[in-house]
Amino acid sequence: MNSNENLQLKNPEVMPTREMLENILGGSYAAYEALQDALPILEMEQEWQWYTPYKAWFARGQHFWTTKRGTKKEKTLYWLYVYEGYFSVAIWFKEKNRMELLNANVSEKTKQLIGDADTMGKLPTFPVVFDIKTIEPLTEIYELLDCKKRLER
């Protein structure tokens, strides 16, 4: 994640709106809108949540499904945070899945992000973080989201 000081959406009383996002993101709003349009195709929903440690609004992308036995399940697939002029998407993976991700249908640049990502905290997980200003990285993100759904059910 980039510097906490540059995070936008810092008012806990005001949930993010389309107008706010258009104003903050500027030219990168088109990429944000493209991600939102893809969510139903990816079988995902996004919700905004106040994230106290960073004192900012973050969006959580979730996948919902029903097991063969009828149990309803949910999985957080990404966290999205907003900066002036762009947004970031962080997809967290388990360390045990790193090799499978390195064999995914993604660019060498994304494989480098996966390979270089450090595990964080006590849990063996690592984030793959994309700073998004254009729609270009979205294809890579969609592929990794599909991998996460498949690998971590």
N, C-alpha and C. Protein backbone atom coordinates (compact mmCIF):
# COMPACT_ATOMS: atom_id res chain seq x y z
N MET A 1 0.85 -1.17 0.00
CA MET A 1 0.00 0.00 0.00
C MET A 1 0.89 1.23 0.00
N ASN A 2 0.41 2.26 -0.63
CA ASN A 2 1.14 3.52 -0.66
C ASN A 2 1.00 4.22 0.68
N SER A 3 1.56 5.38 0.77
CA SER A 3 1.56 6.12 2.04
C SER A 3 0.14 6.36 2.55
N ASN A 4 -0.06 6.06 3.81
CA ASN A 4 -1.34 6.30 4.47
C ASN A 4 -1.73 7.77 4.38
N GLU A 5 -0.76 8.66 4.35
CA GLU A 5 -1.03 10.10 4.31
C GLU A 5 -1.75 10.50 3.03
N ASN A 6 -1.57 9.76 1.95
CA ASN A 6 -2.17 10.11 0.67
C ASN A 6 -3.55 9.47 0.45
N LEU A 7 -3.97 8.63 1.37
CA LEU A 7 -5.29 8.03 1.24
C LEU A 7 -6.36 9.09 1.22
N GLN A 8 -7.40 8.87 0.43
CA GLN A 8 -8.54 9.77 0.37
C GLN A 8 -9.70 9.13 1.13
N LEU A 9 -10.86 9.76 1.09
CA LEU A 9 -12.07 9.23 1.73
C LEU A 9 -11.86 9.07 3.23
N LYS A 10 -11.45 10.15 3.89
CA LYS A 10 -11.05 10.11 5.29
C LYS A 10 -12.15 10.54 6.27
N ASN A 11 -13.33 10.86 5.77
CA ASN A 11 -14.39 11.28 6.67
C ASN A 11 -15.28 10.09 7.02
N PRO A 12 -15.26 9.64 8.26
CA PRO A 12 -16.05 8.45 8.61
C PRO A 12 -17.55 8.67 8.53
N GLU A 13 -17.98 9.92 8.50
CA GLU A 13 -19.40 10.25 8.45
C GLU A 13 -19.96 10.23 7.03
N VAL A 14 -19.09 10.24 6.03
CA VAL A 14 -19.54 10.35 4.65
C VAL A 14 -19.09 9.12 3.85
N MET A 15 -20.04 8.23 3.56
CA MET A 15 -19.74 7.06 2.74
C MET A 15 -19.45 7.52 1.31
N PRO A 16 -18.49 6.89 0.64
CA PRO A 16 -18.14 7.30 -0.72
C PRO A 16 -19.33 7.25 -1.68
N THR A 17 -19.40 8.25 -2.53
CA THR A 17 -20.43 8.32 -3.56
C THR A 17 -19.77 8.36 -4.93
N ARG A 18 -20.57 8.14 -5.94
CA ARG A 18 -20.05 8.20 -7.31
C ARG A 18 -19.42 9.56 -7.59
N GLU A 19 -20.08 10.61 -7.17
CA GLU A 19 -19.58 11.96 -7.43
C GLU A 19 -18.23 12.19 -6.74
N MET A 20 -18.11 11.72 -5.51
CA MET A 20 -16.85 11.86 -4.79
C MET A 20 -15.74 11.11 -5.52
N LEU A 21 -16.04 9.88 -5.93
CA LEU A 21 -15.03 9.06 -6.61
C LEU A 21 -14.63 9.67 -7.95
N GLU A 22 -15.60 10.17 -8.70
CA GLU A 22 -15.27 10.82 -9.98
C GLU A 22 -14.34 12.01 -9.75
N ASN A 23 -14.62 12.79 -8.71
CA ASN A 23 -13.82 13.97 -8.40
C ASN A 23 -12.40 13.60 -7.97
N ILE A 24 -12.27 12.61 -7.11
CA ILE A 24 -10.96 12.22 -6.59
C ILE A 24 -10.14 11.48 -7.65
N LEU A 25 -10.78 10.54 -8.35
CA LEU A 25 -10.05 9.69 -9.29
C LEU A 25 -9.76 10.39 -10.63
N GLY A 26 -10.56 11.35 -11.01
CA GLY A 26 -10.33 12.05 -12.27
C GLY A 26 -10.34 11.08 -13.45
N GLY A 27 -9.28 11.09 -14.24
CA GLY A 27 -9.19 10.25 -15.43
C GLY A 27 -9.19 8.76 -15.15
N SER A 28 -8.83 8.36 -13.94
CA SER A 28 -8.82 6.93 -13.63
C SER A 28 -10.20 6.41 -13.21
N TYR A 29 -11.19 7.30 -13.14
CA TYR A 29 -12.52 6.87 -12.78
C TYR A 29 -13.07 5.86 -13.80
N ALA A 30 -12.69 5.99 -15.06
CA ALA A 30 -13.14 5.04 -16.09
C ALA A 30 -12.69 3.61 -15.75
N ALA A 31 -11.50 3.46 -15.21
CA ALA A 31 -11.02 2.14 -14.81
C ALA A 31 -11.82 1.63 -13.61
N TYR A 32 -12.12 2.51 -12.67
CA TYR A 32 -12.94 2.12 -11.52
C TYR A 32 -14.32 1.66 -12.00
N GLU A 33 -14.91 2.40 -12.91
CA GLU A 33 -16.23 2.05 -13.43
C GLU A 33 -16.19 0.72 -14.19
N ALA A 34 -15.11 0.47 -14.94
CA ALA A 34 -14.95 -0.81 -15.65
C ALA A 34 -14.89 -1.97 -14.66
N LEU A 35 -14.19 -1.78 -13.55
CA LEU A 35 -14.14 -2.82 -12.52
C LEU A 35 -15.53 -3.07 -11.95
N GLN A 36 -16.26 -2.01 -11.68
CA GLN A 36 -17.62 -2.16 -11.14
C GLN A 36 -18.52 -2.90 -12.12
N ASP A 37 -18.39 -2.59 -13.41
CA ASP A 37 -19.20 -3.25 -14.44
C ASP A 37 -18.89 -4.74 -14.54
N ALA A 38 -17.64 -5.12 -14.22
CA ALA A 38 -17.22 -6.52 -14.33
C ALA A 38 -17.62 -7.37 -13.13
N LEU A 39 -17.97 -6.75 -12.02
CA LEU A 39 -18.25 -7.51 -10.80
C LEU A 39 -19.33 -8.58 -10.97
N PRO A 40 -20.47 -8.29 -11.60
CA PRO A 40 -21.46 -9.36 -11.77
C PRO A 40 -20.94 -10.53 -12.61
N ILE A 41 -20.15 -10.25 -13.61
CA ILE A 41 -19.57 -11.30 -14.45
C ILE A 41 -18.60 -12.15 -13.63
N LEU A 42 -17.89 -11.50 -12.71
CA LEU A 42 -16.93 -12.19 -11.84
C LEU A 42 -17.62 -12.84 -10.63
N GLU A 43 -18.94 -12.73 -10.55
CA GLU A 43 -19.73 -13.26 -9.43
C GLU A 43 -19.25 -12.64 -8.12
N MET A 44 -19.14 -11.32 -8.13
CA MET A 44 -18.66 -10.60 -6.96
C MET A 44 -19.56 -9.42 -6.66
N GLU A 45 -19.45 -8.95 -5.42
CA GLU A 45 -20.10 -7.73 -4.98
C GLU A 45 -19.05 -6.90 -4.25
N GLN A 46 -19.27 -5.59 -4.26
CA GLN A 46 -18.34 -4.71 -3.56
C GLN A 46 -19.11 -3.87 -2.55
N GLU A 47 -18.53 -3.71 -1.36
CA GLU A 47 -19.15 -2.86 -0.35
C GLU A 47 -18.08 -1.99 0.29
N TRP A 48 -18.47 -0.76 0.63
CA TRP A 48 -17.56 0.16 1.30
C TRP A 48 -17.63 -0.04 2.80
N GLN A 49 -16.46 0.00 3.43
CA GLN A 49 -16.37 -0.14 4.88
C GLN A 49 -15.37 0.87 5.42
N TRP A 50 -15.69 1.40 6.59
CA TRP A 50 -14.74 2.27 7.28
C TRP A 50 -13.68 1.36 7.89
N TYR A 51 -12.42 1.63 7.58
CA TYR A 51 -11.32 0.81 8.06
C TYR A 51 -10.54 1.62 9.09
N THR A 52 -10.78 1.34 10.36
CA THR A 52 -10.26 2.14 11.46
C THR A 52 -8.74 2.26 11.49
N PRO A 53 -7.96 1.19 11.27
CA PRO A 53 -6.50 1.37 11.37
C PRO A 53 -5.95 2.45 10.44
N TYR A 54 -6.56 2.62 9.27
CA TYR A 54 -6.07 3.63 8.32
C TYR A 54 -6.93 4.89 8.31
N LYS A 55 -8.03 4.86 9.08
CA LYS A 55 -8.94 6.00 9.15
C LYS A 55 -9.36 6.45 7.75
N ALA A 56 -9.85 5.49 6.97
CA ALA A 56 -10.31 5.77 5.60
C ALA A 56 -11.32 4.71 5.18
N TRP A 57 -12.09 5.04 4.15
CA TRP A 57 -13.03 4.09 3.56
C TRP A 57 -12.28 3.20 2.59
N PHE A 58 -12.47 1.88 2.72
CA PHE A 58 -11.94 0.89 1.79
C PHE A 58 -13.12 0.12 1.23
N ALA A 59 -12.99 -0.35 -0.01
CA ALA A 59 -14.04 -1.19 -0.59
C ALA A 59 -13.57 -2.64 -0.54
N ARG A 60 -14.48 -3.50 -0.15
CA ARG A 60 -14.17 -4.93 -0.07
C ARG A 60 -14.93 -5.65 -1.17
N GLY A 61 -14.20 -6.38 -2.01
CA GLY A 61 -14.81 -7.19 -3.06
C GLY A 61 -15.01 -8.60 -2.55
N GLN A 62 -16.26 -9.09 -2.60
CA GLN A 62 -16.57 -10.39 -2.05
C GLN A 62 -17.21 -11.31 -3.08
N HIS A 63 -16.94 -12.59 -2.90
CA HIS A 63 -17.55 -13.65 -3.70
C HIS A 63 -18.44 -14.45 -2.77
N PHE A 64 -19.68 -14.68 -3.20
CA PHE A 64 -20.65 -15.47 -2.43
C PHE A 64 -20.99 -16.72 -3.22
N TRP A 65 -21.12 -17.83 -2.53
CA TRP A 65 -21.53 -19.07 -3.18
C TRP A 65 -22.23 -19.97 -2.18
N THR A 66 -22.88 -21.00 -2.72
CA THR A 66 -23.57 -21.97 -1.88
C THR A 66 -22.90 -23.32 -2.12
N THR A 67 -22.58 -24.00 -1.03
CA THR A 67 -21.93 -25.31 -1.13
C THR A 67 -22.94 -26.35 -1.60
N LYS A 68 -22.45 -27.53 -1.92
CA LYS A 68 -23.33 -28.61 -2.35
C LYS A 68 -24.35 -28.97 -1.28
N ARG A 69 -24.01 -28.73 -0.03
CA ARG A 69 -24.93 -29.04 1.08
C ARG A 69 -25.87 -27.88 1.39
N GLY A 70 -25.75 -26.78 0.64
CA GLY A 70 -26.65 -25.66 0.83
C GLY A 70 -26.16 -24.59 1.80
N THR A 71 -24.92 -24.70 2.26
CA THR A 71 -24.37 -23.71 3.17
C THR A 71 -23.94 -22.47 2.37
N LYS A 72 -24.35 -21.30 2.83
CA LYS A 72 -23.94 -20.07 2.16
C LYS A 72 -22.56 -19.66 2.66
N LYS A 73 -21.68 -19.36 1.72
CA LYS A 73 -20.30 -18.99 2.04
C LYS A 73 -19.97 -17.65 1.39
N GLU A 74 -18.96 -16.98 1.97
CA GLU A 74 -18.46 -15.75 1.38
C GLU A 74 -16.95 -15.69 1.55
N LYS A 75 -16.31 -15.02 0.62
CA LYS A 75 -14.86 -14.89 0.65
C LYS A 75 -14.49 -13.49 0.18
N THR A 76 -13.69 -12.79 0.96
CA THR A 76 -13.18 -11.50 0.52
C THR A 76 -12.07 -11.76 -0.48
N LEU A 77 -12.22 -11.17 -1.67
CA LEU A 77 -11.23 -11.39 -2.72
C LEU A 77 -10.27 -10.22 -2.90
N TYR A 78 -10.72 -9.01 -2.59
CA TYR A 78 -9.81 -7.87 -2.72
C TYR A 78 -10.22 -6.76 -1.78
N TRP A 79 -9.27 -5.85 -1.58
CA TRP A 79 -9.50 -4.58 -0.89
C TRP A 79 -9.11 -3.48 -1.86
N LEU A 80 -9.94 -2.45 -1.94
CA LEU A 80 -9.70 -1.32 -2.84
C LEU A 80 -9.61 -0.06 -2.01
N TYR A 81 -8.61 0.76 -2.25
CA TYR A 81 -8.46 2.02 -1.55
C TYR A 81 -8.15 3.11 -2.54
N VAL A 82 -8.54 4.33 -2.21
CA VAL A 82 -8.54 5.44 -3.15
C VAL A 82 -7.49 6.48 -2.77
N TYR A 83 -6.74 6.90 -3.78
CA TYR A 83 -5.76 7.98 -3.67
C TYR A 83 -6.15 9.07 -4.65
N GLU A 84 -5.52 10.21 -4.56
CA GLU A 84 -5.79 11.30 -5.50
C GLU A 84 -5.32 10.87 -6.90
N GLY A 85 -6.26 10.71 -7.83
CA GLY A 85 -5.93 10.41 -9.22
C GLY A 85 -5.84 8.93 -9.57
N TYR A 86 -5.94 8.03 -8.60
CA TYR A 86 -5.89 6.60 -8.89
C TYR A 86 -6.41 5.81 -7.70
N PHE A 87 -6.57 4.50 -7.90
CA PHE A 87 -6.96 3.62 -6.81
C PHE A 87 -6.08 2.39 -6.84
N SER A 88 -6.02 1.71 -5.71
CA SER A 88 -5.23 0.49 -5.58
C SER A 88 -6.14 -0.68 -5.26
N VAL A 89 -5.79 -1.83 -5.79
CA VAL A 89 -6.49 -3.07 -5.48
C VAL A 89 -5.45 -4.04 -4.92
N ALA A 90 -5.73 -4.55 -3.72
CA ALA A 90 -4.85 -5.53 -3.09
C ALA A 90 -5.58 -6.87 -3.01
N ILE A 91 -4.96 -7.89 -3.56
CA ILE A 91 -5.51 -9.25 -3.52
C ILE A 91 -4.55 -10.06 -2.65
N TRP A 92 -5.09 -10.62 -1.58
CA TRP A 92 -4.27 -11.38 -0.62
C TRP A 92 -4.35 -12.87 -0.94
N PHE A 93 -3.19 -13.53 -0.92
CA PHE A 93 -3.12 -14.96 -1.20
C PHE A 93 -2.38 -15.68 -0.08
N LYS A 94 -2.66 -16.95 0.03
CA LYS A 94 -1.93 -17.80 0.97
C LYS A 94 -0.59 -18.16 0.33
N GLU A 95 0.43 -18.21 1.17
CA GLU A 95 1.78 -18.55 0.68
C GLU A 95 1.79 -19.87 -0.06
N LYS A 96 1.01 -20.84 0.41
CA LYS A 96 1.00 -22.17 -0.22
C LYS A 96 0.52 -22.12 -1.67
N ASN A 97 -0.11 -21.01 -2.09
CA ASN A 97 -0.61 -20.89 -3.47
C ASN A 97 0.30 -20.09 -4.39
N ARG A 98 1.43 -19.61 -3.88
CA ARG A 98 2.30 -18.74 -4.69
C ARG A 98 2.75 -19.42 -5.99
N MET A 99 3.17 -20.67 -5.92
CA MET A 99 3.66 -21.35 -7.13
C MET A 99 2.56 -21.48 -8.19
N GLU A 100 1.35 -21.78 -7.76
CA GLU A 100 0.24 -21.88 -8.71
C GLU A 100 -0.03 -20.52 -9.35
N LEU A 101 0.09 -19.46 -8.59
CA LEU A 101 -0.12 -18.12 -9.14
C LEU A 101 0.96 -17.77 -10.16
N LEU A 102 2.18 -18.20 -9.88
CA LEU A 102 3.27 -17.93 -10.82
C LEU A 102 3.07 -18.66 -12.15
N ASN A 103 2.22 -19.68 -12.15
CA ASN A 103 1.90 -20.40 -13.38
C ASN A 103 0.58 -19.93 -14.01
N ALA A 104 -0.03 -18.90 -13.43
CA ALA A 104 -1.30 -18.38 -13.95
C ALA A 104 -1.07 -17.67 -15.29
N ASN A 105 -2.16 -17.43 -15.98
CA ASN A 105 -2.12 -16.76 -17.28
C ASN A 105 -2.07 -15.25 -17.08
N VAL A 106 -0.92 -14.77 -16.56
CA VAL A 106 -0.71 -13.35 -16.32
C VAL A 106 0.64 -12.94 -16.91
N SER A 107 0.85 -11.65 -17.03
CA SER A 107 2.07 -11.13 -17.63
C SER A 107 3.28 -11.37 -16.73
N GLU A 108 4.45 -11.22 -17.32
CA GLU A 108 5.69 -11.35 -16.56
C GLU A 108 5.77 -10.28 -15.47
N LYS A 109 5.24 -9.10 -15.76
CA LYS A 109 5.23 -8.02 -14.77
C LYS A 109 4.42 -8.42 -13.54
N THR A 110 3.26 -9.04 -13.76
CA THR A 110 2.43 -9.49 -12.65
C THR A 110 3.09 -10.65 -11.93
N LYS A 111 3.72 -11.55 -12.66
CA LYS A 111 4.45 -12.65 -12.02
C LYS A 111 5.57 -12.11 -11.14
N GLN A 112 6.19 -11.01 -11.57
CA GLN A 112 7.23 -10.38 -10.77
C GLN A 112 6.63 -9.82 -9.47
N LEU A 113 5.44 -9.20 -9.57
CA LEU A 113 4.74 -8.70 -8.37
C LEU A 113 4.47 -9.85 -7.41
N ILE A 114 4.00 -10.97 -7.94
CA ILE A 114 3.69 -12.14 -7.11
C ILE A 114 4.96 -12.68 -6.46
N GLY A 115 6.01 -12.82 -7.25
CA GLY A 115 7.26 -13.36 -6.73
C GLY A 115 7.92 -12.47 -5.70
N ASP A 116 7.79 -11.16 -5.86
CA ASP A 116 8.44 -10.20 -4.96
C ASP A 116 7.63 -9.89 -3.70
N ALA A 117 6.35 -10.26 -3.68
CA ALA A 117 5.49 -9.91 -2.55
C ALA A 117 5.97 -10.60 -1.27
N ASP A 118 6.10 -9.82 -0.22
CA ASP A 118 6.52 -10.36 1.08
C ASP A 118 5.30 -10.80 1.87
N THR A 119 5.48 -11.87 2.65
CA THR A 119 4.40 -12.27 3.56
C THR A 119 4.29 -11.21 4.64
N MET A 120 3.08 -11.07 5.17
CA MET A 120 2.83 -10.00 6.14
C MET A 120 2.28 -10.59 7.42
N GLY A 121 2.81 -10.13 8.52
CA GLY A 121 2.30 -10.55 9.81
C GLY A 121 2.62 -12.00 10.13
N LYS A 122 1.85 -12.55 11.06
CA LYS A 122 2.10 -13.92 11.52
C LYS A 122 1.49 -14.96 10.60
N LEU A 123 0.48 -14.58 9.83
CA LEU A 123 -0.14 -15.53 8.91
C LEU A 123 0.68 -15.61 7.63
N PRO A 124 0.77 -16.77 7.03
CA PRO A 124 1.54 -16.91 5.78
C PRO A 124 0.72 -16.44 4.58
N THR A 125 0.49 -15.12 4.50
CA THR A 125 -0.24 -14.54 3.38
C THR A 125 0.57 -13.39 2.80
N PHE A 126 0.28 -13.05 1.56
CA PHE A 126 0.97 -11.94 0.92
C PHE A 126 0.00 -11.21 -0.01
N PRO A 127 0.19 -9.89 -0.17
CA PRO A 127 -0.67 -9.13 -1.05
C PRO A 127 -0.03 -8.94 -2.43
N VAL A 128 -0.86 -8.97 -3.45
CA VAL A 128 -0.46 -8.53 -4.78
C VAL A 128 -1.23 -7.23 -4.99
N VAL A 129 -0.50 -6.12 -5.11
CA VAL A 129 -1.12 -4.80 -5.14
C VAL A 129 -0.93 -4.15 -6.50
N PHE A 130 -2.04 -3.66 -7.05
CA PHE A 130 -2.03 -2.95 -8.32
C PHE A 130 -2.45 -1.51 -8.08
N ASP A 131 -1.65 -0.54 -8.54
CA ASP A 131 -2.06 0.86 -8.56
C ASP A 131 -2.68 1.10 -9.93
N ILE A 132 -3.93 1.53 -9.95
CA ILE A 132 -4.69 1.55 -11.20
C ILE A 132 -5.03 2.98 -11.61
N LYS A 133 -4.53 3.34 -12.79
CA LYS A 133 -4.82 4.64 -13.39
C LYS A 133 -5.56 4.48 -14.71
N THR A 134 -5.43 3.29 -15.33
CA THR A 134 -6.09 2.99 -16.60
C THR A 134 -6.72 1.61 -16.51
N ILE A 135 -7.45 1.22 -17.54
CA ILE A 135 -8.09 -0.10 -17.52
C ILE A 135 -7.10 -1.23 -17.80
N GLU A 136 -5.90 -0.91 -18.24
CA GLU A 136 -4.92 -1.92 -18.64
C GLU A 136 -4.70 -3.05 -17.63
N PRO A 137 -4.50 -2.76 -16.33
CA PRO A 137 -4.23 -3.87 -15.40
C PRO A 137 -5.46 -4.70 -15.02
N LEU A 138 -6.65 -4.29 -15.44
CA LEU A 138 -7.86 -4.99 -14.99
C LEU A 138 -7.90 -6.45 -15.46
N THR A 139 -7.43 -6.73 -16.66
CA THR A 139 -7.43 -8.12 -17.14
C THR A 139 -6.60 -9.01 -16.22
N GLU A 140 -5.46 -8.51 -15.78
CA GLU A 140 -4.61 -9.25 -14.86
C GLU A 140 -5.32 -9.46 -13.51
N ILE A 141 -5.98 -8.42 -13.05
CA ILE A 141 -6.71 -8.50 -11.78
C ILE A 141 -7.82 -9.52 -11.88
N TYR A 142 -8.57 -9.52 -12.97
CA TYR A 142 -9.66 -10.49 -13.14
C TYR A 142 -9.12 -11.92 -13.11
N GLU A 143 -7.99 -12.14 -13.75
CA GLU A 143 -7.39 -13.48 -13.75
C GLU A 143 -6.99 -13.90 -12.33
N LEU A 144 -6.39 -12.99 -11.58
CA LEU A 144 -5.99 -13.33 -10.21
C LEU A 144 -7.21 -13.52 -9.30
N LEU A 145 -8.26 -12.76 -9.52
CA LEU A 145 -9.49 -12.97 -8.74
C LEU A 145 -10.08 -14.34 -9.01
N ASP A 146 -10.07 -14.76 -10.28
CA ASP A 146 -10.54 -16.11 -10.61
C ASP A 146 -9.67 -17.17 -9.93
N CYS A 147 -8.36 -16.95 -9.94
CA CYS A 147 -7.45 -17.89 -9.26
C CYS A 147 -7.77 -17.96 -7.78
N LYS A 148 -7.99 -16.82 -7.16
CA LYS A 148 -8.28 -16.80 -5.73
C LYS A 148 -9.57 -17.55 -5.43
N LYS A 149 -10.59 -17.36 -6.23
CA LYS A 149 -11.85 -18.07 -6.03
C LYS A 149 -11.63 -19.58 -6.13
N ARG A 150 -10.87 -19.99 -7.09
CA ARG A 150 -10.64 -21.41 -7.34
C ARG A 150 -9.73 -22.05 -6.27
N LEU A 151 -8.68 -21.35 -5.88
CA LEU A 151 -7.67 -21.92 -4.98
C LEU A 151 -8.09 -21.93 -3.52
N GLU A 152 -8.92 -21.00 -3.13
CA GLU A 152 -9.15 -20.83 -1.70
C GLU A 152 -10.58 -21.09 -1.27
N ARG A 153 -11.24 -22.01 -1.90
CA ARG A 153 -12.59 -22.39 -1.47
C ARG A 153 -12.53 -23.46 -0.43
